Amino acid sequence: MAVKVLIPTPLQKHTNNQATLECSAGDVGALIETLEEKFPGMKERLCDEQGQPRRFLNFYVNSEDIRFLDNIKTELKDGDEVSIVPAVAGG
């Protein structure tokens, strides 16, 4: 099952400067593991010590925030698009 992953600019240095990746995974957690296999060290940039997405990163599956779905257990299907978006703060 091919899933398109959009990598934010600050993390592209860890994906050989690729902004878009194709991966196979059944859910977001498995996708993170796949990214770690392909690009060692990626998981620690995406997840905290408990294996949950870091608070300053937002994951979207087809424009839906995974925090309002099943978090890292959010299922993925062929053709889905996963966006990793750094949180923006300011005032």
PDB file of N, CA and C in Angstrom:
ATOM      1  N   MET A   1       0.848  -1.170   0.000  1.00  0.00           N
ATOM      2  CA  MET A   1       0.000   0.000   0.000  1.00  0.00           C
ATOM      3  C   MET A   1       0.895   1.234   0.000  1.00  0.00           C
ATOM      4  N   ALA A   2       0.820   2.041  -1.022  1.00  0.00           N
ATOM      5  CA  ALA A   2       1.673   3.219  -1.159  1.00  0.00           C
ATOM      6  C   ALA A   2       0.997   4.442  -0.552  1.00  0.00           C
ATOM      7  N   VAL A   3       1.741   5.115   0.298  1.00  0.00           N
ATOM      8  CA  VAL A   3       1.286   6.331   0.956  1.00  0.00           C
ATOM      9  C   VAL A   3       2.284   7.428   0.613  1.00  0.00           C
ATOM     10  N   LYS A   4       1.786   8.596   0.287  1.00  0.00           N
ATOM     11  CA  LYS A   4       2.639   9.739  -0.009  1.00  0.00           C
ATOM     12  C   LYS A   4       2.889  10.498   1.288  1.00  0.00           C
ATOM     13  N   VAL A   5       4.165  10.783   1.591  1.00  0.00           N
ATOM     14  CA  VAL A   5       4.530  11.482   2.819  1.00  0.00           C
ATOM     15  C   VAL A   5       5.187  12.800   2.442  1.00  0.00           C
ATOM     16  N   LEU A   6       4.641  13.901   2.967  1.00  0.00           N
ATOM     17  CA  LEU A   6       5.198  15.230   2.719  1.00  0.00           C
ATOM     18  C   LEU A   6       6.086  15.606   3.898  1.00  0.00           C
ATOM     19  N   ILE A   7       7.364  15.816   3.625  1.00  0.00           N
ATOM     20  CA  ILE A   7       8.362  16.097   4.655  1.00  0.00           C
ATOM     21  C   ILE A   7       8.598  17.605   4.722  1.00  0.00           C
ATOM     22  N   PRO A   8       8.529  18.206   5.929  1.00  0.00           N
ATOM     23  CA  PRO A   8       8.768  19.648   6.037  1.00  0.00           C
ATOM     24  C   PRO A   8      10.243  19.973   5.791  1.00  0.00           C
ATOM     25  N   THR A   9      10.496  21.168   5.337  1.00  0.00           N
ATOM     26  CA  THR A   9      11.849  21.608   4.984  1.00  0.00           C
ATOM     27  C   THR A   9      12.876  21.339   6.085  1.00  0.00           C
ATOM     28  N   PRO A  10      12.603  21.633   7.365  1.00  0.00           N
ATOM     29  CA  PRO A  10      13.632  21.397   8.383  1.00  0.00           C
ATOM     30  C   PRO A  10      14.043  19.923   8.527  1.00  0.00           C
ATOM     31  N   LEU A  11      13.194  18.988   8.122  1.00  0.00           N
ATOM     32  CA  LEU A  11      13.525  17.570   8.249  1.00  0.00           C
ATOM     33  C   LEU A  11      14.078  16.962   6.962  1.00  0.00           C
ATOM     34  N   GLN A  12      14.049  17.714   5.887  1.00  0.00           N
ATOM     35  CA  GLN A  12      14.489  17.167   4.602  1.00  0.00           C
ATOM     36  C   GLN A  12      15.974  16.815   4.591  1.00  0.00           C
ATOM     37  N   LYS A  13      16.776  17.450   5.449  1.00  0.00           N
ATOM     38  CA  LYS A  13      18.195  17.103   5.507  1.00  0.00           C
ATOM     39  C   LYS A  13      18.384  15.672   6.008  1.00  0.00           C
ATOM     40  N   HIS A  14      17.372  15.109   6.648  1.00  0.00           N
ATOM     41  CA  HIS A  14      17.433  13.735   7.149  1.00  0.00           C
ATOM     42  C   HIS A  14      16.841  12.732   6.157  1.00  0.00           C
ATOM     43  N   THR A  15      16.261  13.223   5.063  1.00  0.00           N
ATOM     44  CA  THR A  15      15.674  12.353   4.037  1.00  0.00           C
ATOM     45  C   THR A  15      16.379  12.549   2.689  1.00  0.00           C
ATOM     46  N   ASN A  16      17.669  12.855   2.755  1.00  0.00           N
ATOM     47  CA  ASN A  16      18.446  13.092   1.530  1.00  0.00           C
ATOM     48  C   ASN A  16      17.825  14.197   0.687  1.00  0.00           C
ATOM     49  N   ASN A  17      17.322  15.236   1.362  1.00  0.00           N
ATOM     50  CA  ASN A  17      16.728  16.415   0.725  1.00  0.00           C
ATOM     51  C   ASN A  17      15.483  16.106  -0.099  1.00  0.00           C
ATOM     52  N   GLN A  18      14.793  15.034   0.254  1.00  0.00           N
ATOM     53  CA  GLN A  18      13.542  14.692  -0.427  1.00  0.00           C
ATOM     54  C   GLN A  18      12.364  15.330   0.311  1.00  0.00           C
ATOM     55  N   ALA A  19      11.532  16.037  -0.414  1.00  0.00           N
ATOM     56  CA  ALA A  19      10.356  16.677   0.170  1.00  0.00           C
ATOM     57  C   ALA A  19       9.147  15.748   0.173  1.00  0.00           C
ATOM     58  N   THR A  20       9.155  14.765  -0.720  1.00  0.00           N
ATOM     59  CA  THR A  20       8.038  13.821  -0.843  1.00  0.00           C
ATOM     60  C   THR A  20       8.609  12.415  -0.894  1.00  0.00           C
ATOM     61  N   LEU A  21       7.992  11.534  -0.129  1.00  0.00           N
ATOM     62  CA  LEU A  21       8.408  10.136  -0.099  1.00  0.00           C
ATOM     63  C   LEU A  21       7.213   9.240  -0.366  1.00  0.00           C
ATOM     64  N   GLU A  22       7.465   8.058  -0.878  1.00  0.00           N
ATOM     65  CA  GLU A  22       6.440   7.025  -1.021  1.00  0.00           C
ATOM     66  C   GLU A  22       6.809   5.923  -0.042  1.00  0.00           C
ATOM     67  N   CYS A  23       5.880   5.542   0.804  1.00  0.00           N
ATOM     68  CA  CYS A  23       6.111   4.497   1.799  1.00  0.00           C
ATOM     69  C   CYS A  23       4.913   3.562   1.850  1.00  0.00           C
ATOM     70  N   SER A  24       5.155   2.402   2.438  1.00  0.00           N
ATOM     71  CA  SER A  24       4.077   1.447   2.680  1.00  0.00           C
ATOM     72  C   SER A  24       3.936   1.267   4.181  1.00  0.00           C
ATOM     73  N   ALA A  25       2.715   1.423   4.692  1.00  0.00           N
ATOM     74  CA  ALA A  25       2.453   1.256   6.120  1.00  0.00           C
ATOM     75  C   ALA A  25       0.961   1.134   6.344  1.00  0.00           C
ATOM     76  N   GLY A  26       0.584   0.387   7.366  1.00  0.00           N
ATOM     77  CA  GLY A  26      -0.827   0.186   7.679  1.00  0.00           C
ATOM     78  C   GLY A  26      -1.422   1.257   8.552  1.00  0.00           C
ATOM     79  N   ASP A  27      -0.562   1.946   9.328  1.00  0.00           N
ATOM     80  CA  ASP A  27      -1.024   3.050  10.164  1.00  0.00           C
ATOM     81  C   ASP A  27       0.121   4.041  10.355  1.00  0.00           C
ATOM     82  N   VAL A  28      -0.160   5.141  11.019  1.00  0.00           N
ATOM     83  CA  VAL A  28       0.843   6.201  11.175  1.00  0.00           C
ATOM     84  C   VAL A  28       2.045   5.705  11.978  1.00  0.00           C
ATOM     85  N   GLY A  29       1.806   4.899  13.013  1.00  0.00           N
ATOM     86  CA  GLY A  29       2.911   4.357  13.805  1.00  0.00           C
ATOM     87  C   GLY A  29       3.845   3.512  12.956  1.00  0.00           C
ATOM     88  N   ALA A  30       3.283   2.665  12.113  1.00  0.00           N
ATOM     89  CA  ALA A  30       4.094   1.842  11.218  1.00  0.00           C
ATOM     90  C   ALA A  30       4.822   2.708  10.190  1.00  0.00           C
ATOM     91  N   LEU A  31       4.197   3.788   9.783  1.00  0.00           N
ATOM     92  CA  LEU A  31       4.835   4.718   8.845  1.00  0.00           C
ATOM     93  C   LEU A  31       6.078   5.329   9.488  1.00  0.00           C
ATOM     94  N   ILE A  32       5.963   5.731  10.736  1.00  0.00           N
ATOM     95  CA  ILE A  32       7.115   6.301  11.450  1.00  0.00           C
ATOM     96  C   ILE A  32       8.239   5.269  11.529  1.00  0.00           C
ATOM     97  N   GLU A  33       7.899   4.013  11.800  1.00  0.00           N
ATOM     98  CA  GLU A  33       8.908   2.947  11.843  1.00  0.00           C
ATOM     99  C   GLU A  33       9.558   2.750  10.475  1.00  0.00           C
ATOM    100  N   THR A  34       8.765   2.827   9.418  1.00  0.00           N
ATOM    101  CA  THR A  34       9.298   2.691   8.060  1.00  0.00           C
ATOM    102  C   THR A  34      10.266   3.831   7.756  1.00  0.00           C
ATOM    103  N   LEU A  35       9.891   5.045   8.152  1.00  0.00           N
ATOM    104  CA  LEU A  35      10.790   6.187   7.950  1.00  0.00           C
ATOM    105  C   LEU A  35      12.090   5.995   8.718  1.00  0.00           C
ATOM    106  N   GLU A  36      12.009   5.438   9.924  1.00  0.00           N
ATOM    107  CA  GLU A  36      13.201   5.179  10.729  1.00  0.00           C
ATOM    108  C   GLU A  36      14.108   4.148  10.041  1.00  0.00           C
ATOM    109  N   GLU A  37      13.498   3.121   9.442  1.00  0.00           N
ATOM    110  CA  GLU A  37      14.292   2.107   8.732  1.00  0.00           C
ATOM    111  C   GLU A  37      15.014   2.713   7.536  1.00  0.00           C
ATOM    112  N   LYS A  38      14.319   3.558   6.806  1.00  0.00           N
ATOM    113  CA  LYS A  38      14.911   4.169   5.605  1.00  0.00           C
ATOM    114  C   LYS A  38      15.890   5.280   5.951  1.00  0.00           C
ATOM    115  N   PHE A  39      15.591   6.005   7.022  1.00  0.00           N
ATOM    116  CA  PHE A  39      16.388   7.166   7.408  1.00  0.00           C
ATOM    117  C   PHE A  39      16.651   7.112   8.910  1.00  0.00           C
ATOM    118  N   PRO A  40      17.682   6.340   9.334  1.00  0.00           N
ATOM    119  CA  PRO A  40      17.963   6.189  10.763  1.00  0.00           C
ATOM    120  C   PRO A  40      18.073   7.533  11.484  1.00  0.00           C
ATOM    121  N   GLY A  41      17.433   7.606  12.658  1.00  0.00           N
ATOM    122  CA  GLY A  41      17.423   8.832  13.446  1.00  0.00           C
ATOM    123  C   GLY A  41      16.173   9.667  13.233  1.00  0.00           C
ATOM    124  N   MET A  42      15.374   9.311  12.230  1.00  0.00           N
ATOM    125  CA  MET A  42      14.171  10.084  11.917  1.00  0.00           C
ATOM    126  C   MET A  42      13.132   9.980  13.036  1.00  0.00           C
ATOM    127  N   LYS A  43      12.979   8.786  13.623  1.00  0.00           N
ATOM    128  CA  LYS A  43      11.956   8.590  14.647  1.00  0.00           C
ATOM    129  C   LYS A  43      12.169   9.513  15.837  1.00  0.00           C
ATOM    130  N   GLU A  44      13.407   9.686  16.263  1.00  0.00           N
ATOM    131  CA  GLU A  44      13.657  10.555  17.416  1.00  0.00           C
ATOM    132  C   GLU A  44      13.336  12.017  17.112  1.00  0.00           C
ATOM    133  N   ARG A  45      13.322  12.371  15.857  1.00  0.00           N
ATOM    134  CA  ARG A  45      12.941  13.734  15.475  1.00  0.00           C
ATOM    135  C   ARG A  45      11.426  13.892  15.387  1.00  0.00           C
ATOM    136  N   LEU A  46      10.739  12.773  15.159  1.00  0.00           N
ATOM    137  CA  LEU A  46       9.283  12.804  15.019  1.00  0.00           C
ATOM    138  C   LEU A  46       8.544  12.470  16.319  1.00  0.00           C
ATOM    139  N   CYS A  47       9.161  11.649  17.177  1.00  0.00           N
ATOM    140  CA  CYS A  47       8.468  11.137  18.367  1.00  0.00           C
ATOM    141  C   CYS A  47       9.228  11.434  19.653  1.00  0.00           C
ATOM    142  N   ASP A  48       8.467  11.498  20.746  1.00  0.00           N
ATOM    143  CA  ASP A  48       9.074  11.688  22.063  1.00  0.00           C
ATOM    144  C   ASP A  48       9.527  10.330  22.608  1.00  0.00           C
ATOM    145  N   GLU A  49       9.951  10.319  23.878  1.00  0.00           N
ATOM    146  CA  GLU A  49      10.469   9.106  24.506  1.00  0.00           C
ATOM    147  C   GLU A  49       9.407   8.008  24.635  1.00  0.00           C
ATOM    148  N   GLN A  50       8.136   8.382  24.656  1.00  0.00           N
ATOM    149  CA  GLN A  50       7.048   7.413  24.752  1.00  0.00           C
ATOM    150  C   GLN A  50       6.580   6.916  23.381  1.00  0.00           C
ATOM    151  N   GLY A  51       7.218   7.390  22.323  1.00  0.00           N
ATOM    152  CA  GLY A  51       6.844   6.967  20.981  1.00  0.00           C
ATOM    153  C   GLY A  51       5.671   7.726  20.391  1.00  0.00           C
ATOM    154  N   GLN A  52       5.268   8.808  21.044  1.00  0.00           N
ATOM    155  CA  GLN A  52       4.159   9.632  20.556  1.00  0.00           C
ATOM    156  C   GLN A  52       4.716  10.801  19.738  1.00  0.00           C
ATOM    157  N   PRO A  53       3.949  11.288  18.776  1.00  0.00           N
ATOM    158  CA  PRO A  53       4.413  12.439  17.989  1.00  0.00           C
ATOM    159  C   PRO A  53       4.792  13.617  18.905  1.00  0.00           C
ATOM    160  N   ARG A  54       5.882  14.250  18.584  1.00  0.00           N
ATOM    161  CA  ARG A  54       6.329  15.413  19.371  1.00  0.00           C
ATOM    162  C   ARG A  54       5.262  16.504  19.326  1.00  0.00           C
ATOM    163  N   ARG A  55       5.169  17.233  20.414  1.00  0.00           N
ATOM    164  CA  ARG A  55       4.119  18.251  20.546  1.00  0.00           C
ATOM    165  C   ARG A  55       4.220  19.358  19.504  1.00  0.00           C
ATOM    166  N   PHE A  56       5.426  19.632  19.025  1.00  0.00           N
ATOM    167  CA  PHE A  56       5.597  20.717  18.061  1.00  0.00           C
ATOM    168  C   PHE A  56       5.441  20.257  16.612  1.00  0.00           C
ATOM    169  N   LEU A  57       5.064  18.990  16.417  1.00  0.00           N
ATOM    170  CA  LEU A  57       4.799  18.482  15.074  1.00  0.00           C
ATOM    171  C   LEU A  57       3.343  18.056  14.961  1.00  0.00           C
ATOM    172  N   ASN A  58       2.746  18.358  13.848  1.00  0.00           N
ATOM    173  CA  ASN A  58       1.375  17.926  13.573  1.00  0.00           C
ATOM    174  C   ASN A  58       1.408  16.953  12.397  1.00  0.00           C
ATOM    175  N   PHE A  59       0.691  15.854  12.543  1.00  0.00           N
ATOM    176  CA  PHE A  59       0.570  14.872  11.474  1.00  0.00           C
ATOM    177  C   PHE A  59      -0.855  14.933  10.940  1.00  0.00           C
ATOM    178  N   TYR A  60      -0.970  14.980   9.625  1.00  0.00           N
ATOM    179  CA  TYR A  60      -2.276  15.014   8.967  1.00  0.00           C
ATOM    180  C   TYR A  60      -2.359  13.870   7.976  1.00  0.00           C
ATOM    181  N   VAL A  61      -3.481  13.177   7.969  1.00  0.00           N
ATOM    182  CA  VAL A  61      -3.759  12.158   6.966  1.00  0.00           C
ATOM    183  C   VAL A  61      -4.902  12.700   6.128  1.00  0.00           C
ATOM    184  N   ASN A  62      -4.617  12.974   4.871  1.00  0.00           N
ATOM    185  CA  ASN A  62      -5.604  13.570   3.970  1.00  0.00           C
ATOM    186  C   ASN A  62      -6.250  14.810   4.592  1.00  0.00           C
ATOM    187  N   SER A  63      -5.426  15.683   5.131  1.00  0.00           N
ATOM    188  CA  SER A  63      -5.835  16.971   5.730  1.00  0.00           C
ATOM    189  C   SER A  63      -6.564  16.838   7.065  1.00  0.00           C
ATOM    190  N   GLU A  64      -6.624  15.629   7.641  1.00  0.00           N
ATOM    191  CA  GLU A  64      -7.262  15.427   8.944  1.00  0.00           C
ATOM    192  C   GLU A  64      -6.177  15.243  10.002  1.00  0.00           C
ATOM    193  N   ASP A  65      -6.221  16.051  11.056  1.00  0.00           N
ATOM    194  CA  ASP A  65      -5.261  15.972  12.147  1.00  0.00           C
ATOM    195  C   ASP A  65      -5.414  14.627  12.865  1.00  0.00           C
ATOM    196  N   ILE A  66      -4.328  13.863  12.994  1.00  0.00           N
ATOM    197  CA  ILE A  66      -4.428  12.539  13.608  1.00  0.00           C
ATOM    198  C   ILE A  66      -4.815  12.610  15.084  1.00  0.00           C
ATOM    199  N   ARG A  67      -4.629  13.764  15.721  1.00  0.00           N
ATOM    200  CA  ARG A  67      -5.035  13.903  17.128  1.00  0.00           C
ATOM    201  C   ARG A  67      -6.545  13.776  17.276  1.00  0.00           C
ATOM    202  N   PHE A  68      -7.286  14.038  16.212  1.00  0.00           N
ATOM    203  CA  PHE A  68      -8.743  13.932  16.243  1.00  0.00           C
ATOM    204  C   PHE A  68      -9.228  12.640  15.587  1.00  0.00           C
ATOM    205  N   LEU A  69      -8.270  11.808  15.178  1.00  0.00           N
ATOM    206  CA  LEU A  69      -8.594  10.490  14.624  1.00  0.00           C
ATOM    207  C   LEU A  69      -8.146   9.458  15.661  1.00  0.00           C
ATOM    208  N   ASP A  70      -7.267   8.548  15.293  1.00  0.00           N
ATOM    209  CA  ASP A  70      -6.768   7.533  16.225  1.00  0.00           C
ATOM    210  C   ASP A  70      -5.289   7.719  16.531  1.00  0.00           C
ATOM    211  N   ASN A  71      -4.812   8.970  16.458  1.00  0.00           N
ATOM    212  CA  ASN A  71      -3.419   9.307  16.723  1.00  0.00           C
ATOM    213  C   ASN A  71      -2.516   8.393  15.887  1.00  0.00           C
ATOM    214  N   ILE A  72      -1.472   7.786  16.474  1.00  0.00           N
ATOM    215  CA  ILE A  72      -0.555   7.000  15.646  1.00  0.00           C
ATOM    216  C   ILE A  72      -1.172   5.682  15.176  1.00  0.00           C
ATOM    217  N   LYS A  73      -2.325   5.343  15.699  1.00  0.00           N
ATOM    218  CA  LYS A  73      -3.028   4.139  15.237  1.00  0.00           C
ATOM    219  C   LYS A  73      -3.972   4.452  14.070  1.00  0.00           C
ATOM    220  N   THR A  74      -3.954   5.705  13.599  1.00  0.00           N
ATOM    221  CA  THR A  74      -4.776   6.085  12.454  1.00  0.00           C
ATOM    222  C   THR A  74      -4.387   5.226  11.255  1.00  0.00           C
ATOM    223  N   GLU A  75      -5.355   4.517  10.719  1.00  0.00           N
ATOM    224  CA  GLU A  75      -5.104   3.613   9.599  1.00  0.00           C
ATOM    225  C   GLU A  75      -4.805   4.390   8.320  1.00  0.00           C
ATOM    226  N   LEU A  76      -3.962   3.779   7.507  1.00  0.00           N
ATOM    227  CA  LEU A  76      -3.606   4.343   6.211  1.00  0.00           C
ATOM    228  C   LEU A  76      -4.031   3.360   5.130  1.00  0.00           C
ATOM    229  N   LYS A  77      -4.437   3.925   3.998  1.00  0.00           N
ATOM    230  CA  LYS A  77      -4.781   3.074   2.865  1.00  0.00           C
ATOM    231  C   LYS A  77      -4.072   3.593   1.618  1.00  0.00           C
ATOM    232  N   ASP A  78      -4.034   2.764   0.627  1.00  0.00           N
ATOM    233  CA  ASP A  78      -3.356   3.093  -0.618  1.00  0.00           C
ATOM    234  C   ASP A  78      -3.820   4.451  -1.142  1.00  0.00           C
ATOM    235  N   GLY A  79      -2.866   5.316  -1.449  1.00  0.00           N
ATOM    236  CA  GLY A  79      -3.191   6.626  -2.001  1.00  0.00           C
ATOM    237  C   GLY A  79      -3.338   7.728  -0.976  1.00  0.00           C
ATOM    238  N   ASP A  80      -3.302   7.396   0.322  1.00  0.00           N
ATOM    239  CA  ASP A  80      -3.396   8.442   1.352  1.00  0.00           C
ATOM    240  C   ASP A  80      -2.188   9.360   1.289  1.00  0.00           C
ATOM    241  N   GLU A  81      -2.381  10.579   1.781  1.00  0.00           N
ATOM    242  CA  GLU A  81      -1.303  11.552   1.860  1.00  0.00           C
ATOM    243  C   GLU A  81      -1.110  11.940   3.317  1.00  0.00           C
ATOM    244  N   VAL A  82       0.113  11.770   3.809  1.00  0.00           N
ATOM    245  CA  VAL A  82       0.445  12.127   5.190  1.00  0.00           C
ATOM    246  C   VAL A  82       1.345  13.344   5.145  1.00  0.00           C
ATOM    247  N   SER A  83       0.910  14.401   5.846  1.00  0.00           N
ATOM    248  CA  SER A  83       1.699  15.626   5.944  1.00  0.00           C
ATOM    249  C   SER A  83       2.245  15.744   7.341  1.00  0.00           C
ATOM    250  N   ILE A  84       3.532  16.054   7.436  1.00  0.00           N
ATOM    251  CA  ILE A  84       4.167  16.340   8.721  1.00  0.00           C
ATOM    252  C   ILE A  84       4.412  17.848   8.733  1.00  0.00           C
ATOM    253  N   VAL A  85       3.768  18.532   9.682  1.00  0.00           N
ATOM    254  CA  VAL A  85       3.789  19.993   9.686  1.00  0.00           C
ATOM    255  C   VAL A  85       4.293  20.500  11.029  1.00  0.00           C
ATOM    256  N   PRO A  86       5.407  21.251  11.046  1.00  0.00           N
ATOM    257  CA  PRO A  86       5.867  21.846  12.294  1.00  0.00           C
ATOM    258  C   PRO A  86       4.843  22.862  12.797  1.00  0.00           C
ATOM    259  N   ALA A  87       4.632  22.872  14.105  1.00  0.00           N
ATOM    260  CA  ALA A  87       3.720  23.849  14.692  1.00  0.00           C
ATOM    261  C   ALA A  87       4.326  25.238  14.548  1.00  0.00           C
ATOM    262  N   VAL A  88       3.455  26.221  14.384  1.00  0.00           N
ATOM    263  CA  VAL A  88       3.890  27.597  14.241  1.00  0.00           C
ATOM    264  C   VAL A  88       3.397  28.382  15.439  1.00  0.00           C
ATOM    265  N   ALA A  89       4.294  29.123  16.050  1.00  0.00           N
ATOM    266  CA  ALA A  89       3.913  29.961  17.189  1.00  0.00           C
ATOM    267  C   ALA A  89       4.372  31.381  16.910  1.00  0.00           C
ATOM    268  N   GLY A  90       3.743  32.278  17.545  1.00  0.00           N
ATOM    269  CA  GLY A  90       4.136  33.673  17.361  1.00  0.00           C
ATOM    270  C   GLY A  90       3.059  34.592  17.884  1.00  0.00           C
ATOM    271  N   GLY A  91       3.315  35.809  17.707  1.00  0.00           N
ATOM    272  CA  GLY A  91       2.307  36.721  18.224  1.00  0.00           C
ATOM    273  C   GLY A  91       2.461  38.080  17.647  1.00  0.00           C
TER     274      GLY A  91
END
